[in-house]
Amino acid sequence: MRATLLLSLLLGTVGCDDDVDLNVLNFGATAIVTGDFDTVEQLIQEVSQTTAIAAELSIYDGYISGPHFEHDIDVAEVFNGTVEDLLRSDPYDGGLGGFDTIFFSDGMRGVNVREYNGVVADDHLVSDNTVVTNVRDQGELGRRLYFSDWTYDLMERAWPDLVDWVGDDTELDDAQRGTAQVVAARVVDAGLAAFMEVPEGSEIEVEFNYGVWAVAESVSDDVTVLVEADVVVDDPETGAYVTLPSVPLVFSAVVGQGVVIFTSYHNEAQISEEARDVLRYQLGQLSN
């Protein structure tokens, strides 16, 4: 039996209208994989204060060493299993096929060359063909998938033609070349601009308080960019710091019958309220 995490004020009862707006979100059966550097569950908790949300949340342990942030929700007490259970299981017998929406949090294990805090290999999921096939197939069958920062390698393995990342796309972690910086990002999507009630092209502050974040160099015509910025990166060829123009920071794409979204920054206490509004808008893109 699937255990369900009930967050206070979170689970609203709403109908499934054809015209979904950002005042009513329906994620359906939802899996959140925890990560050391992202707090998707707290973002959903925040949004629930002003937005009716329908969701049946299941939390999977994806921590490498544990959360590197203050956490108001003790997810460890309600884990439904591990990220390995979720991604390696038969999709319709304990795996991804049992969910409508799946969140892969930054700092999730199994999708890196090695553990960030040591020398131990950490590529057991992204290098597993069963995992990659399950993610790709279930996405294209209609799942809605959220990828955050370091989880980009899993998205790249599943859909290699969507994004051209900095560095060598066939090498794990090679795009993780963003430096710690504060950027004046541009809102380049009309829908997001309308949601934020700002003119298209308006600037918002986005802070990357750590370096080594994943940088997308360009995207295919199938990808919709929401926010872009000129950013400083560690050049993969020279090792020098260079500025890349118009780097996509937040974007989405339709894959078959499903949707994938990616964010290079994530829900942390230090991000601006405008930057958090972008993440709230992305939640709307995942709503059914």
Protein backbone atom coordinates (compact mmCIF):
# COMPACT_ATOMS: atom_id res chain seq x y z
CA MET A 1 0.00 0.00 0.00
CA ARG A 2 1.31 3.44 -0.88
CA ALA A 3 1.82 5.66 2.12
CA THR A 4 0.73 9.24 1.53
CA LEU A 5 2.30 12.39 2.94
CA LEU A 6 -0.39 14.85 3.98
CA LEU A 7 1.04 18.35 4.31
CA SER A 8 -0.96 20.79 6.40
CA LEU A 9 -3.25 22.92 4.22
CA LEU A 10 -1.99 21.13 1.14
CA LEU A 11 -4.47 18.68 -0.23
CA GLY A 12 -7.48 20.49 -1.63
CA THR A 13 -10.33 18.76 -3.41
CA VAL A 14 -10.77 20.20 -6.87
CA GLY A 15 -12.28 19.06 -10.12
CA CYS A 16 -10.31 18.34 -13.28
CA ASP A 17 -11.41 21.13 -15.60
CA ASP A 18 -10.14 21.35 -19.16
CA ASP A 19 -8.99 24.92 -18.53
CA VAL A 20 -6.53 24.68 -15.67
CA ASP A 21 -5.40 27.98 -14.20
CA LEU A 22 -2.80 28.84 -11.61
CA ASN A 23 -5.41 29.22 -8.89
CA VAL A 24 -6.22 25.51 -9.01
CA LEU A 25 -3.47 22.91 -9.44
CA ASN A 26 -4.00 19.19 -9.87
CA PHE A 27 -0.85 17.06 -9.73
CA GLY A 28 -2.67 13.78 -9.26
CA ALA A 29 -0.57 10.92 -7.91
CA THR A 30 2.76 12.61 -7.27
CA ALA A 31 6.23 11.26 -6.49
CA ILE A 32 8.84 13.58 -5.00
CA VAL A 33 12.42 12.30 -4.93
CA THR A 34 14.32 14.19 -2.25
CA GLY A 35 17.72 15.75 -2.91
CA ASP A 36 20.38 17.40 -0.81
CA PHE A 37 19.94 20.85 -2.38
CA ASP A 38 16.28 21.30 -3.32
CA THR A 39 13.04 21.49 -1.34
CA VAL A 40 10.23 20.84 -3.82
CA GLU A 41 7.94 19.65 -1.04
CA GLN A 42 8.31 22.98 0.76
CA LEU A 43 7.65 24.90 -2.46
CA ILE A 44 4.40 22.98 -2.87
CA GLN A 45 3.61 23.69 0.79
CA GLU A 46 4.15 27.43 0.21
CA VAL A 47 2.01 27.49 -2.92
CA SER A 48 -0.78 25.66 -1.09
CA GLN A 49 -1.28 28.70 1.13
CA THR A 50 -2.78 30.67 -1.77
CA THR A 51 -3.65 28.01 -4.35
CA ALA A 52 -5.99 25.03 -4.17
CA ILE A 53 -3.91 21.92 -4.81
CA ALA A 54 -5.05 18.37 -5.41
CA ALA A 55 -2.26 15.84 -5.00
CA GLU A 56 -1.50 12.50 -3.46
CA LEU A 57 2.14 12.85 -2.47
CA SER A 58 4.60 10.00 -2.09
CA ILE A 59 8.15 10.81 -0.96
CA TYR A 60 11.15 8.75 -2.09
CA ASP A 61 14.58 8.88 -0.47
CA GLY A 62 17.06 10.30 -2.94
CA TYR A 63 19.46 11.94 -0.48
CA ILE A 64 23.19 11.53 -0.93
CA SER A 65 24.14 12.66 2.58
CA GLY A 66 21.02 14.55 3.66
CA PRO A 67 19.42 17.98 3.22
CA HIS A 68 21.70 21.02 3.28
CA PHE A 69 18.94 23.40 4.34
CA GLU A 70 16.45 24.02 7.10
CA HIS A 71 13.57 21.64 6.51
CA ASP A 72 10.13 22.21 8.00
CA ILE A 73 8.82 18.82 6.90
CA ASP A 74 10.24 15.58 8.30
CA VAL A 75 10.05 13.57 5.09
CA ALA A 76 12.27 10.83 6.53
CA GLU A 77 9.33 9.57 8.59
CA VAL A 78 7.14 9.06 5.55
CA PHE A 79 9.45 7.70 2.86
CA ASN A 80 7.60 5.39 0.49
CA GLY A 81 10.85 3.82 -0.66
CA THR A 82 14.06 4.82 -2.37
CA VAL A 83 14.75 6.48 -5.70
CA GLU A 84 16.14 3.11 -6.83
CA ASP A 85 12.80 1.47 -6.03
CA LEU A 86 10.92 4.11 -8.02
CA LEU A 87 13.12 4.15 -11.13
CA ARG A 88 14.10 0.49 -11.43
CA SER A 89 10.76 -1.14 -10.67
CA ASP A 90 8.35 -2.26 -13.33
CA PRO A 91 6.57 1.00 -14.21
CA TYR A 92 3.18 -0.53 -13.38
CA ASP A 93 4.28 -2.49 -10.34
CA GLY A 94 5.71 0.07 -7.93
CA GLY A 95 7.42 2.29 -10.53
CA LEU A 96 6.87 5.52 -12.43
CA GLY A 97 3.70 4.35 -14.15
CA GLY A 98 1.79 4.71 -10.89
CA PHE A 99 2.23 8.49 -10.90
CA ASP A 100 1.03 11.48 -12.87
CA THR A 101 3.74 13.90 -11.74
CA ILE A 102 7.33 13.20 -10.69
CA PHE A 103 9.84 15.64 -9.18
CA PHE A 104 13.59 14.91 -9.33
CA SER A 105 15.30 17.20 -6.80
CA ASP A 106 18.78 18.68 -7.08
CA GLY A 107 21.25 16.61 -5.09
CA MET A 108 19.49 13.34 -5.93
CA ARG A 109 21.85 10.38 -5.82
CA GLY A 110 22.66 8.12 -8.72
CA VAL A 111 22.98 10.74 -11.47
CA ASN A 112 26.52 12.03 -10.90
CA VAL A 113 30.05 10.90 -11.70
CA ARG A 114 30.74 10.66 -7.98
CA GLU A 115 29.32 11.84 -4.70
CA TYR A 116 29.93 15.58 -4.38
CA ASN A 117 31.37 15.14 -0.91
CA GLY A 118 33.76 12.28 -1.66
CA VAL A 119 35.27 10.03 -4.31
CA VAL A 120 32.61 7.30 -4.33
CA ALA A 121 31.00 6.62 -7.72
CA ASP A 122 27.40 7.86 -7.96
CA ASP A 123 26.23 7.05 -11.50
CA HIS A 124 24.29 3.85 -10.81
CA LEU A 125 20.94 5.25 -12.00
CA VAL A 126 21.87 7.47 -14.93
CA SER A 127 24.03 4.66 -16.34
CA ASP A 128 21.27 2.07 -15.97
CA ASN A 129 19.48 1.50 -19.30
CA THR A 130 16.37 0.27 -17.50
CA VAL A 131 16.14 3.53 -15.58
CA VAL A 132 16.67 5.71 -18.65
CA THR A 133 14.13 3.72 -20.65
CA ASN A 134 11.57 3.92 -17.85
CA VAL A 135 11.98 7.69 -17.54
CA ARG A 136 11.78 8.28 -21.29
CA ASP A 137 8.87 5.93 -21.93
CA GLN A 138 6.79 7.10 -19.00
CA GLY A 139 7.41 10.74 -19.88
CA GLU A 140 6.26 10.19 -23.42
CA LEU A 141 3.21 8.26 -22.20
CA GLY A 142 1.99 11.36 -20.38
CA ARG A 143 3.88 11.79 -17.11
CA ARG A 144 4.87 15.31 -16.06
CA LEU A 145 8.50 15.47 -14.94
CA TYR A 146 10.45 18.13 -13.06
CA PHE A 147 14.26 18.11 -13.30
CA SER A 148 16.38 20.34 -11.05
CA ASP A 149 20.00 21.34 -11.72
CA TRP A 150 22.27 18.29 -11.23
CA THR A 151 19.53 15.90 -12.34
CA TYR A 152 20.04 17.28 -15.87
CA ASP A 153 22.12 14.23 -16.84
CA LEU A 154 19.10 11.98 -16.41
CA MET A 155 17.02 14.25 -18.64
CA GLU A 156 19.86 14.38 -21.19
CA ARG A 157 20.12 10.58 -21.31
CA ALA A 158 16.37 10.26 -21.82
CA TRP A 159 16.02 13.10 -24.38
CA PRO A 160 19.46 13.88 -25.84
CA ASP A 161 18.12 16.09 -28.63
CA LEU A 162 16.27 18.62 -26.46
CA VAL A 163 19.21 20.58 -25.05
CA ASP A 164 22.82 21.32 -25.97
CA TRP A 165 24.63 21.64 -22.66
CA VAL A 166 27.96 23.34 -22.05
CA GLY A 167 30.82 20.90 -22.46
CA ASP A 168 30.47 17.32 -23.67
CA ASP A 169 26.89 16.10 -23.42
CA THR A 170 28.06 12.48 -23.31
CA GLU A 171 30.15 13.08 -20.19
CA LEU A 172 28.36 13.09 -16.84
CA ASP A 173 28.54 16.39 -14.92
CA ASP A 174 30.43 18.14 -17.74
CA ALA A 175 27.83 20.93 -17.96
CA GLN A 176 28.17 21.75 -14.25
CA ARG A 177 30.24 24.87 -14.94
CA GLY A 178 28.13 27.76 -13.70
CA THR A 179 29.87 29.94 -11.10
CA ALA A 180 28.46 31.45 -7.91
CA GLN A 181 26.89 34.71 -9.04
CA VAL A 182 23.86 36.97 -9.01
CA VAL A 183 22.39 37.51 -12.47
CA ALA A 184 19.81 39.86 -13.95
CA ALA A 185 17.68 37.24 -15.67
CA ARG A 186 15.11 38.08 -18.35
CA VAL A 187 11.52 36.84 -18.44
CA VAL A 188 11.20 35.81 -22.10
CA ASP A 189 7.95 33.82 -22.05
CA ALA A 190 4.68 35.70 -22.55
CA GLY A 191 2.69 33.36 -20.30
CA LEU A 192 5.15 33.73 -17.42
CA ALA A 193 5.26 37.51 -17.89
CA ALA A 194 1.47 37.67 -17.70
CA PHE A 195 1.45 35.51 -14.57
CA MET A 196 4.03 37.76 -12.92
CA GLU A 197 2.21 40.87 -14.19
CA VAL A 198 5.38 42.29 -15.72
CA PRO A 199 6.26 43.19 -19.32
CA GLU A 200 7.89 40.45 -21.36
CA GLY A 201 11.66 40.98 -21.20
CA SER A 202 11.57 42.28 -17.62
CA GLU A 203 14.56 41.48 -15.43
CA ILE A 204 14.48 39.50 -12.21
CA GLU A 205 17.31 38.74 -9.81
CA VAL A 206 18.47 35.14 -9.68
CA GLU A 207 21.15 34.15 -7.19
CA PHE A 208 23.38 31.12 -7.58
CA ASN A 209 24.95 30.92 -4.15
CA TYR A 210 27.09 27.92 -5.15
CA GLY A 211 29.11 27.19 -8.25
CA VAL A 212 29.09 24.03 -10.35
CA TRP A 213 25.48 24.35 -11.50
CA ALA A 214 24.39 22.86 -14.82
CA VAL A 215 24.48 25.27 -17.78
CA ALA A 216 22.40 24.84 -20.93
CA GLU A 217 24.02 26.47 -23.95
CA SER A 218 21.05 26.26 -26.34
CA VAL A 219 17.76 24.39 -26.76
CA SER A 220 15.91 22.80 -29.66
CA ASP A 221 12.81 24.24 -31.31
CA ASP A 222 10.73 21.85 -29.18
CA VAL A 223 11.76 23.67 -25.98
CA THR A 224 10.10 26.79 -24.55
CA VAL A 225 12.47 29.02 -22.57
CA LEU A 226 10.89 30.91 -19.69
CA VAL A 227 13.92 32.71 -18.24
CA GLU A 228 17.36 33.39 -19.67
CA ALA A 229 20.45 35.34 -18.58
CA ASP A 230 24.02 36.19 -19.45
CA VAL A 231 26.07 34.04 -17.06
CA VAL A 232 29.69 33.42 -16.12
CA VAL A 233 30.92 29.88 -16.62
CA ASP A 234 34.12 27.93 -16.31
CA ASP A 235 35.06 27.33 -19.95
CA PRO A 236 35.44 23.56 -20.52
CA GLU A 237 38.31 24.02 -22.98
CA THR A 238 40.44 26.74 -21.38
CA GLY A 239 39.38 26.72 -17.74
CA ALA A 240 39.00 30.50 -17.94
CA TYR A 241 35.89 32.30 -16.73
CA VAL A 242 33.83 33.51 -19.68
CA THR A 243 30.40 35.08 -20.06
CA LEU A 244 27.84 33.21 -22.16
CA PRO A 245 24.94 35.28 -23.49
CA SER A 246 21.26 34.32 -23.28
CA VAL A 247 21.70 31.07 -21.37
CA PRO A 248 18.35 29.29 -20.80
CA LEU A 249 17.88 28.98 -17.04
CA VAL A 250 14.32 27.69 -16.88
CA PHE A 251 12.53 25.88 -19.69
CA SER A 252 9.92 23.27 -20.59
CA ALA A 253 9.18 20.87 -23.44
CA VAL A 254 6.41 18.58 -24.59
CA VAL A 255 7.69 15.01 -25.02
CA GLY A 256 5.13 12.75 -26.66
CA GLN A 257 2.07 13.07 -24.45
CA GLY A 258 4.04 14.30 -21.46
CA VAL A 259 5.86 17.40 -20.26
CA VAL A 260 9.35 17.93 -18.87
CA ILE A 261 10.51 21.08 -17.15
CA PHE A 262 14.01 22.05 -16.04
CA THR A 263 15.26 24.68 -13.64
CA SER A 264 18.91 25.54 -13.08
CA TYR A 265 18.08 27.19 -9.77
CA HIS A 266 15.69 25.82 -7.18
CA ASN A 267 13.70 26.43 -4.02
CA GLU A 268 16.16 27.79 -1.46
CA ALA A 269 15.64 30.42 1.20
CA GLN A 270 17.95 32.97 -0.40
CA ILE A 271 16.24 33.21 -3.80
CA SER A 272 14.20 36.32 -4.52
CA GLU A 273 10.41 36.28 -4.43
CA GLU A 274 10.35 36.93 -8.20
CA ALA A 275 12.60 33.91 -8.80
CA ARG A 276 10.29 31.83 -6.62
CA ASP A 277 7.33 33.06 -8.71
CA VAL A 278 8.96 31.42 -11.73
CA LEU A 279 9.03 28.10 -9.86
CA ARG A 280 5.37 28.59 -8.93
CA TYR A 281 4.55 29.12 -12.58
CA GLN A 282 6.41 25.93 -13.44
CA LEU A 283 4.18 24.05 -11.02
CA GLY A 284 1.28 25.25 -13.14
CA GLN A 285 2.93 23.69 -16.20
CA LEU A 286 2.87 20.36 -14.39
CA SER A 287 -0.79 20.60 -13.45
CA ASN A 288 -3.27 18.37 -15.24
